[in-house]
Amino acid sequence: MKKKVSIRDIAERANVSIGTVDRVIHNRGRVSEKTRKKVLHICEEMNYEPNVLAQRLAADKAYIIATFTPKPRRDNSYWRSPLEGINKATEEIAGYRVTVKQFFFDINDEESFRHESLNMLVTQPDGVLIAPIFHREARDLARKLDLNNIPYVFIDSRIEGTNYLSYFAQDPFRSGYLAGRLIWFHLKKRSEVMVVNFTADLENHLHLKQREEGLRQFMKEQNYKGHIRSLNISPRDELLLSHKLYENIHHKTHGLFTTSSAHKVARSIRKIRKKELMFVGYDLTPDNVKYLNQGIIDVLLCQKPAAQGYGALRALFDHLVRRKEIRKEHPMPIEIVVKENYEDYSDI
């Protein structure tokens, strides 16, 4: 087995005292800049990894990491996947005096986000993992965390102009652009594309808005002459979904793009499914797979939600406990999943 590198090994290679190496590694005491750089270079060269557990236990420091995500619902199972990743990471860091506290809000209720974020802040967390579903409310939460010098990591989407430590999310504009390309292959002259957003306030769900904007940009670049129709459905009006779809889908509708909850649209249109309708949605949830198998949904764009939850929690752990420098951007891949390959899809 390869010998574990010790502080003594670093000191001997750098020709300095063990105490000097200790001061450099822990960023304390006076050390010349030249010596500091020399010691850090040798640490990297020798792949030195400090005994994090011993260091933190000796410092008698415990950490609280809060996760703040939508509560999984019967009609929207997507948010179970990030929790799987969060739980996996929680198990891995269990021995490091880190407590992970999970907080949930209602994905259909901005007030729930505000209320539960206050409950989360009362615990005085050392770091926070956030799913910033509601743009305005998430920006306000980020401001409060900044005032209290609490680092935070975004998953699923990000809020530009905030001081986030890192983010783990798919680029919504690029994914919408890809959806446009996939639908484009299926369109006929003067045909129509329908975009369905499950929100009445698209400005407060920027990731959904940016997905639609990506599709529209692709169509613009192709000099598309057909009509792109947007249908924004409030969660409170979902009972009217079937009626609204029947009103808006007609013989010229050859493209259908849902920016979330594809299964809800699939359930409503299954009786009017036409061969010429190309249907693109998001995420490999059990609800969506059902309609993918039935041929109602043609393509799902997937974004590794479990990997997002896992990576974000590990990033907070590395920042707080291991004192590692964290990469600010972790864009998730845009993966095209169809009936023929969904069983091979791997998240984490």
Protein backbone atom coordinates (compact mmCIF):
# COMPACT_ATOMS: atom_id res chain seq x y z
CA MET A 1 0.00 0.00 0.00
CA LYS A 2 1.10 3.54 -0.72
CA LYS A 3 2.48 5.28 2.38
CA LYS A 4 0.32 8.12 3.67
CA VAL A 5 2.18 11.43 3.47
CA SER A 6 2.67 13.13 6.86
CA ILE A 7 3.47 16.66 7.97
CA ARG A 8 6.99 15.41 8.81
CA ASP A 9 7.47 14.26 5.21
CA ILE A 10 6.42 17.69 3.95
CA ALA A 11 8.76 19.44 6.41
CA GLU A 12 11.73 17.31 5.37
CA ARG A 13 11.13 17.93 1.66
CA ALA A 14 10.69 21.68 2.21
CA ASN A 15 13.61 21.85 4.65
CA VAL A 16 11.50 23.66 7.25
CA SER A 17 10.22 22.77 10.70
CA ILE A 18 7.09 20.71 11.35
CA GLY A 19 5.64 23.75 13.10
CA THR A 20 6.07 25.85 9.95
CA VAL A 21 4.22 23.27 7.86
CA ASP A 22 1.46 23.15 10.47
CA ARG A 23 1.08 26.94 10.36
CA VAL A 24 0.88 26.95 6.57
CA ILE A 25 -1.68 24.13 6.36
CA HIS A 26 -3.90 25.68 9.03
CA ASN A 27 -3.30 29.27 7.88
CA ARG A 28 -2.24 30.56 11.27
CA GLY A 29 0.82 32.32 12.62
CA ARG A 30 3.51 34.15 10.68
CA VAL A 31 5.14 32.50 7.67
CA SER A 32 6.88 34.28 4.80
CA GLU A 33 5.04 34.27 1.49
CA LYS A 34 7.95 32.50 -0.19
CA THR A 35 7.91 29.68 2.38
CA ARG A 36 4.13 29.42 2.29
CA LYS A 37 4.10 28.96 -1.48
CA LYS A 38 6.95 26.43 -1.27
CA VAL A 39 5.16 24.32 1.36
CA LEU A 40 1.80 24.43 -0.48
CA HIS A 41 3.52 23.40 -3.73
CA ILE A 42 5.14 20.41 -2.03
CA CYS A 43 1.82 19.46 -0.39
CA GLU A 44 0.21 19.36 -3.81
CA GLU A 45 3.16 17.57 -5.37
CA MET A 46 3.09 14.83 -2.72
CA ASN A 47 -0.74 14.59 -2.75
CA TYR A 48 -0.87 15.40 0.95
CA GLU A 49 -4.32 14.93 2.53
CA PRO A 50 -4.66 16.08 6.14
CA ASN A 51 -6.49 13.99 8.69
CA VAL A 52 -9.62 16.10 8.53
CA LEU A 53 -11.52 14.19 11.18
CA ALA A 54 -8.74 14.49 13.76
CA GLN A 55 -8.26 18.19 13.02
CA ARG A 56 -11.90 19.10 13.35
CA LEU A 57 -12.52 16.96 16.45
CA ALA A 58 -9.47 18.52 18.07
CA ALA A 59 -10.92 21.94 17.31
CA ASP A 60 -14.16 20.79 18.96
CA LYS A 61 -16.18 22.23 16.11
CA ALA A 62 -19.49 20.79 14.99
CA TYR A 63 -21.28 21.90 11.83
CA ILE A 64 -24.89 22.23 10.75
CA ILE A 65 -25.72 22.04 7.07
CA ALA A 66 -29.30 22.82 6.11
CA THR A 67 -30.94 21.60 2.91
CA PHE A 68 -33.90 23.55 1.58
CA THR A 69 -35.82 21.84 -1.22
CA PRO A 70 -39.41 21.27 -2.37
CA LYS A 71 -41.27 18.51 -0.59
CA PRO A 72 -41.88 15.59 -2.98
CA ARG A 73 -45.54 15.31 -3.94
CA ARG A 74 -47.64 12.44 -5.21
CA ASP A 75 -48.13 14.30 -8.48
CA ASN A 76 -44.47 15.36 -8.77
CA SER A 77 -41.89 12.75 -7.75
CA TYR A 78 -38.90 14.61 -9.23
CA TRP A 79 -37.77 15.99 -5.89
CA ARG A 80 -37.23 12.54 -4.43
CA SER A 81 -34.13 12.23 -6.61
CA PRO A 82 -32.11 15.16 -5.18
CA LEU A 83 -33.00 13.82 -1.71
CA GLU A 84 -31.48 10.46 -2.65
CA GLY A 85 -28.22 12.23 -3.45
CA ILE A 86 -28.39 14.33 -0.29
CA ASN A 87 -29.01 11.24 1.84
CA LYS A 88 -26.11 9.39 0.21
CA ALA A 89 -23.73 12.27 0.94
CA THR A 90 -25.09 12.55 4.50
CA GLU A 91 -24.18 8.92 5.15
CA GLU A 92 -20.65 9.47 3.87
CA ILE A 93 -19.93 12.43 6.16
CA ALA A 94 -21.65 10.99 9.22
CA GLY A 95 -18.38 10.61 11.16
CA TYR A 96 -17.34 14.23 10.88
CA ARG A 97 -19.54 15.91 13.49
CA VAL A 98 -21.73 17.33 10.73
CA THR A 99 -25.48 17.45 11.24
CA VAL A 100 -27.61 17.69 8.11
CA LYS A 101 -31.05 19.19 8.73
CA GLN A 102 -33.62 18.93 5.95
CA PHE A 103 -36.22 21.65 5.42
CA PHE A 104 -38.99 21.54 2.84
CA PHE A 105 -41.35 24.00 1.18
CA ASP A 106 -44.40 23.62 -1.03
CA ILE A 107 -43.37 23.90 -4.68
CA ASN A 108 -46.67 25.61 -5.46
CA ASP A 109 -46.60 28.19 -2.68
CA GLU A 110 -44.21 31.16 -2.44
CA GLU A 111 -45.40 31.91 1.09
CA SER A 112 -44.37 28.41 2.13
CA PHE A 113 -40.85 29.17 0.83
CA ARG A 114 -40.67 32.38 2.87
CA HIS A 115 -42.05 30.79 6.05
CA GLU A 116 -39.90 27.66 5.95
CA SER A 117 -36.76 29.63 5.10
CA LEU A 118 -37.20 31.54 8.37
CA ASN A 119 -37.54 28.26 10.26
CA MET A 120 -34.35 27.09 8.59
CA LEU A 121 -32.43 30.26 9.49
CA VAL A 122 -33.42 29.90 13.16
CA THR A 123 -31.19 26.79 13.35
CA GLN A 124 -28.18 29.00 12.53
CA PRO A 125 -26.70 26.70 9.88
CA ASP A 126 -23.07 26.88 8.85
CA GLY A 127 -23.99 26.24 5.22
CA VAL A 128 -27.17 25.87 3.16
CA LEU A 129 -28.16 23.86 0.08
CA ILE A 130 -31.00 25.63 -1.76
CA ALA A 131 -33.33 24.78 -4.63
CA PRO A 132 -34.19 28.37 -5.70
CA ILE A 133 -37.52 27.56 -7.35
CA PHE A 134 -39.01 30.99 -6.64
CA HIS A 135 -36.66 33.64 -8.01
CA ARG A 136 -37.67 36.61 -5.85
CA GLU A 137 -37.95 34.68 -2.59
CA ALA A 138 -34.67 32.83 -3.22
CA ARG A 139 -32.88 36.11 -3.90
CA ASP A 140 -34.18 37.49 -0.61
CA LEU A 141 -32.97 34.34 1.21
CA ALA A 142 -29.54 34.66 -0.42
CA ARG A 143 -29.32 38.26 0.82
CA LYS A 144 -30.03 37.14 4.39
CA LEU A 145 -27.41 34.41 4.17
CA ASP A 146 -24.86 36.89 2.84
CA LEU A 147 -25.54 39.24 5.76
CA ASN A 148 -24.81 36.37 8.14
CA ASN A 149 -21.75 35.13 6.19
CA ILE A 150 -23.37 31.74 5.60
CA PRO A 151 -22.21 30.01 2.40
CA TYR A 152 -24.87 28.48 0.15
CA VAL A 153 -24.99 26.22 -2.86
CA PHE A 154 -27.78 26.11 -5.47
CA ILE A 155 -29.22 23.01 -7.12
CA ASP A 156 -31.65 22.65 -10.06
CA SER A 157 -31.17 26.31 -11.04
CA ARG A 158 -29.26 29.36 -9.86
CA ILE A 159 -29.92 33.01 -9.08
CA GLU A 160 -27.58 35.29 -11.01
CA GLY A 161 -26.05 38.20 -9.13
CA THR A 162 -25.92 36.37 -5.78
CA ASN A 163 -22.81 35.31 -3.87
CA TYR A 164 -23.38 31.58 -4.11
CA LEU A 165 -20.47 29.31 -3.27
CA SER A 166 -21.30 26.95 -6.12
CA TYR A 167 -24.18 25.62 -8.16
CA PHE A 168 -25.15 22.23 -9.56
CA ALA A 169 -27.72 22.68 -12.32
CA GLN A 170 -28.42 22.31 -16.00
CA ASP A 171 -28.27 25.38 -18.21
CA PRO A 172 -32.00 25.99 -18.81
CA PHE A 173 -31.54 28.10 -21.93
CA ARG A 174 -29.30 25.52 -23.62
CA SER A 175 -31.66 22.68 -22.74
CA GLY A 176 -34.60 24.61 -24.21
CA TYR A 177 -32.50 25.32 -27.29
CA LEU A 178 -31.89 21.57 -27.66
CA ALA A 179 -35.62 20.89 -27.26
CA GLY A 180 -36.20 23.30 -30.13
CA ARG A 181 -33.74 21.41 -32.30
CA LEU A 182 -35.43 18.07 -31.54
CA ILE A 183 -38.87 19.44 -32.35
CA TRP A 184 -37.61 21.25 -35.46
CA PHE A 185 -36.82 17.95 -37.18
CA HIS A 186 -40.51 17.04 -36.90
CA LEU A 187 -42.14 20.29 -37.96
CA LYS A 188 -43.94 20.95 -41.20
CA LYS A 189 -44.41 24.25 -42.99
CA ARG A 190 -46.72 26.62 -41.10
CA SER A 191 -47.12 24.13 -38.26
CA GLU A 192 -47.43 25.23 -34.63
CA VAL A 193 -45.47 24.60 -31.43
CA MET A 194 -47.04 24.72 -28.00
CA VAL A 195 -45.04 25.41 -24.82
CA VAL A 196 -46.63 24.51 -21.48
CA ASN A 197 -45.34 26.09 -18.25
CA PHE A 198 -46.78 25.07 -14.91
CA THR A 199 -46.81 28.53 -13.37
CA ALA A 200 -48.92 31.66 -13.58
CA ASP A 201 -45.88 33.82 -12.77
CA LEU A 202 -43.17 32.95 -15.28
CA GLU A 203 -40.98 35.86 -14.13
CA ASN A 204 -40.67 34.21 -10.70
CA HIS A 205 -39.73 30.84 -12.25
CA LEU A 206 -36.80 32.00 -14.35
CA HIS A 207 -35.49 28.52 -15.13
CA LEU A 208 -38.82 27.68 -16.81
CA LYS A 209 -38.82 30.99 -18.66
CA GLN A 210 -35.25 30.43 -19.84
CA ARG A 211 -36.13 26.97 -21.15
CA GLU A 212 -38.86 28.49 -23.28
CA GLU A 213 -36.54 31.29 -24.40
CA GLY A 214 -33.97 28.70 -25.51
CA LEU A 215 -36.55 26.97 -27.72
CA ARG A 216 -37.72 30.27 -29.18
CA GLN A 217 -34.14 31.31 -29.94
CA PHE A 218 -33.48 28.11 -31.87
CA MET A 219 -36.66 28.56 -33.90
CA LYS A 220 -35.73 32.18 -34.61
CA GLU A 221 -32.34 31.12 -35.91
CA GLN A 222 -34.05 28.65 -38.26
CA ASN A 223 -36.28 31.44 -39.56
CA TYR A 224 -39.29 29.44 -38.38
CA LYS A 225 -42.49 30.89 -39.88
CA GLY A 226 -44.96 28.97 -37.73
CA HIS A 227 -46.54 30.07 -34.47
CA ILE A 228 -45.20 29.32 -30.97
CA ARG A 229 -48.01 29.40 -28.46
CA SER A 230 -47.39 29.60 -24.67
CA LEU A 231 -49.80 28.14 -22.16
CA ASN A 232 -49.06 29.06 -18.54
CA ILE A 233 -51.02 26.95 -16.07
CA SER A 234 -51.32 27.98 -12.43
CA PRO A 235 -51.11 25.08 -9.95
CA ARG A 236 -54.53 26.21 -8.75
CA ASP A 237 -55.95 25.72 -12.25
CA GLU A 238 -54.57 22.26 -13.02
CA LEU A 239 -58.09 20.82 -13.03
CA LEU A 240 -58.65 22.95 -16.13
CA LEU A 241 -55.54 21.61 -17.85
CA SER A 242 -57.31 19.11 -20.09
CA HIS A 243 -59.86 21.69 -21.17
CA LYS A 244 -57.16 24.27 -21.98
CA LEU A 245 -55.11 21.73 -23.93
CA TYR A 246 -58.15 20.64 -25.95
CA GLU A 247 -58.81 24.30 -26.72
CA ASN A 248 -55.27 24.95 -27.92
CA ILE A 249 -54.04 21.74 -29.56
CA HIS A 250 -55.31 21.35 -33.11
CA HIS A 251 -54.33 19.80 -36.44
CA LYS A 252 -51.48 22.30 -36.98
CA THR A 253 -49.87 21.58 -33.60
CA HIS A 254 -46.85 19.42 -34.44
CA GLY A 255 -44.56 20.31 -31.52
CA LEU A 256 -45.24 20.18 -27.78
CA PHE A 257 -42.70 21.28 -25.14
CA THR A 258 -43.36 21.17 -21.40
CA THR A 259 -40.83 22.91 -19.17
CA SER A 260 -41.78 20.69 -16.19
CA SER A 261 -44.25 17.96 -15.10
CA ALA A 262 -44.54 16.38 -18.55
CA HIS A 263 -46.70 13.55 -17.20
CA LYS A 264 -49.54 15.95 -16.38
CA VAL A 265 -49.77 17.05 -20.00
CA ALA A 266 -49.30 13.47 -21.24
CA ARG A 267 -52.21 12.28 -19.09
CA SER A 268 -54.44 14.96 -20.58
CA ILE A 269 -53.55 14.49 -24.25
CA ARG A 270 -53.31 10.70 -24.44
CA LYS A 271 -56.79 10.51 -26.02
CA ILE A 272 -55.88 12.97 -28.75
CA ARG A 273 -52.35 11.74 -29.40
CA LYS A 274 -51.44 12.18 -33.07
CA LYS A 275 -48.52 10.66 -34.95
CA GLU A 276 -47.39 14.10 -36.10
CA LEU A 277 -47.12 15.54 -32.54
CA MET A 278 -43.52 15.63 -31.23
CA PHE A 279 -43.59 15.83 -27.40
CA VAL A 280 -40.45 16.85 -25.45
CA GLY A 281 -40.35 17.19 -21.65
CA TYR A 282 -38.01 16.92 -18.69
CA ASP A 283 -36.81 14.29 -16.22
CA LEU A 284 -36.92 10.54 -15.90
CA THR A 285 -39.50 10.24 -13.12
CA PRO A 286 -41.71 7.13 -12.82
CA ASP A 287 -44.71 9.22 -13.88
CA ASN A 288 -42.94 10.38 -17.03
CA VAL A 289 -41.54 6.94 -17.86
CA LYS A 290 -45.08 5.56 -17.96
CA TYR A 291 -45.97 7.88 -20.84
CA LEU A 292 -42.56 7.53 -22.47
CA ASN A 293 -43.21 3.80 -22.73
CA GLN A 294 -46.66 4.43 -24.16
CA GLY A 295 -45.21 6.63 -26.88
CA ILE A 296 -47.07 9.75 -25.74
CA ILE A 297 -43.88 11.47 -24.58
CA ASP A 298 -41.17 11.18 -27.25
CA VAL A 299 -38.10 12.63 -25.48
CA LEU A 300 -37.14 13.46 -21.90
CA LEU A 301 -34.23 15.82 -21.21
CA CYS A 302 -32.56 14.65 -18.01
CA GLN A 303 -30.29 16.55 -15.62
CA LYS A 304 -29.04 14.07 -12.97
CA PRO A 305 -30.99 15.42 -9.97
CA ALA A 306 -29.55 12.87 -7.51
CA ALA A 307 -26.02 13.84 -8.57
CA GLN A 308 -26.95 17.48 -8.00
CA GLY A 309 -28.04 16.84 -4.41
CA TYR A 310 -25.02 14.68 -3.70
CA GLY A 311 -22.49 17.08 -5.24
CA ALA A 312 -23.93 20.16 -3.56
CA LEU A 313 -23.84 18.66 -0.07
CA ARG A 314 -20.32 17.34 -0.60
CA ALA A 315 -19.25 20.80 -1.81
CA LEU A 316 -20.53 22.40 1.41
CA PHE A 317 -18.78 19.72 3.45
CA ASP A 318 -15.49 20.23 1.60
CA HIS A 319 -15.73 23.98 2.04
CA LEU A 320 -16.65 23.98 5.73
CA VAL A 321 -14.81 20.97 7.10
CA ARG A 322 -11.98 20.22 4.70
CA ARG A 323 -11.42 23.89 3.91
CA LYS A 324 -11.10 23.11 0.23
CA GLU A 325 -11.49 25.64 -2.54
CA ILE A 326 -14.77 24.88 -4.31
CA ARG A 327 -15.34 25.21 -8.04
CA LYS A 328 -18.07 27.80 -8.55
CA GLU A 329 -19.78 26.19 -11.54
CA HIS A 330 -20.91 22.59 -11.91
CA PRO A 331 -23.12 22.56 -15.04
CA MET A 332 -25.03 19.31 -15.37
CA PRO A 333 -25.19 17.49 -18.71
CA ILE A 334 -28.23 17.73 -20.96
CA GLU A 335 -29.05 14.09 -21.58
CA ILE A 336 -31.51 12.93 -24.23
CA VAL A 337 -33.56 9.95 -23.03
CA VAL A 338 -36.05 8.04 -25.17
CA LYS A 339 -38.05 4.86 -24.85
CA GLU A 340 -35.19 2.77 -26.25
CA ASN A 341 -32.48 3.89 -23.82
CA TYR A 342 -34.12 5.05 -20.58
CA GLU A 343 -33.26 1.81 -18.77
CA ASP A 344 -29.55 2.59 -19.27
CA TYR A 345 -29.79 6.06 -17.74
CA SER A 346 -27.54 6.50 -14.70
CA ASP A 347 -27.92 9.38 -12.25
CA ILE A 348 -25.43 8.87 -9.43
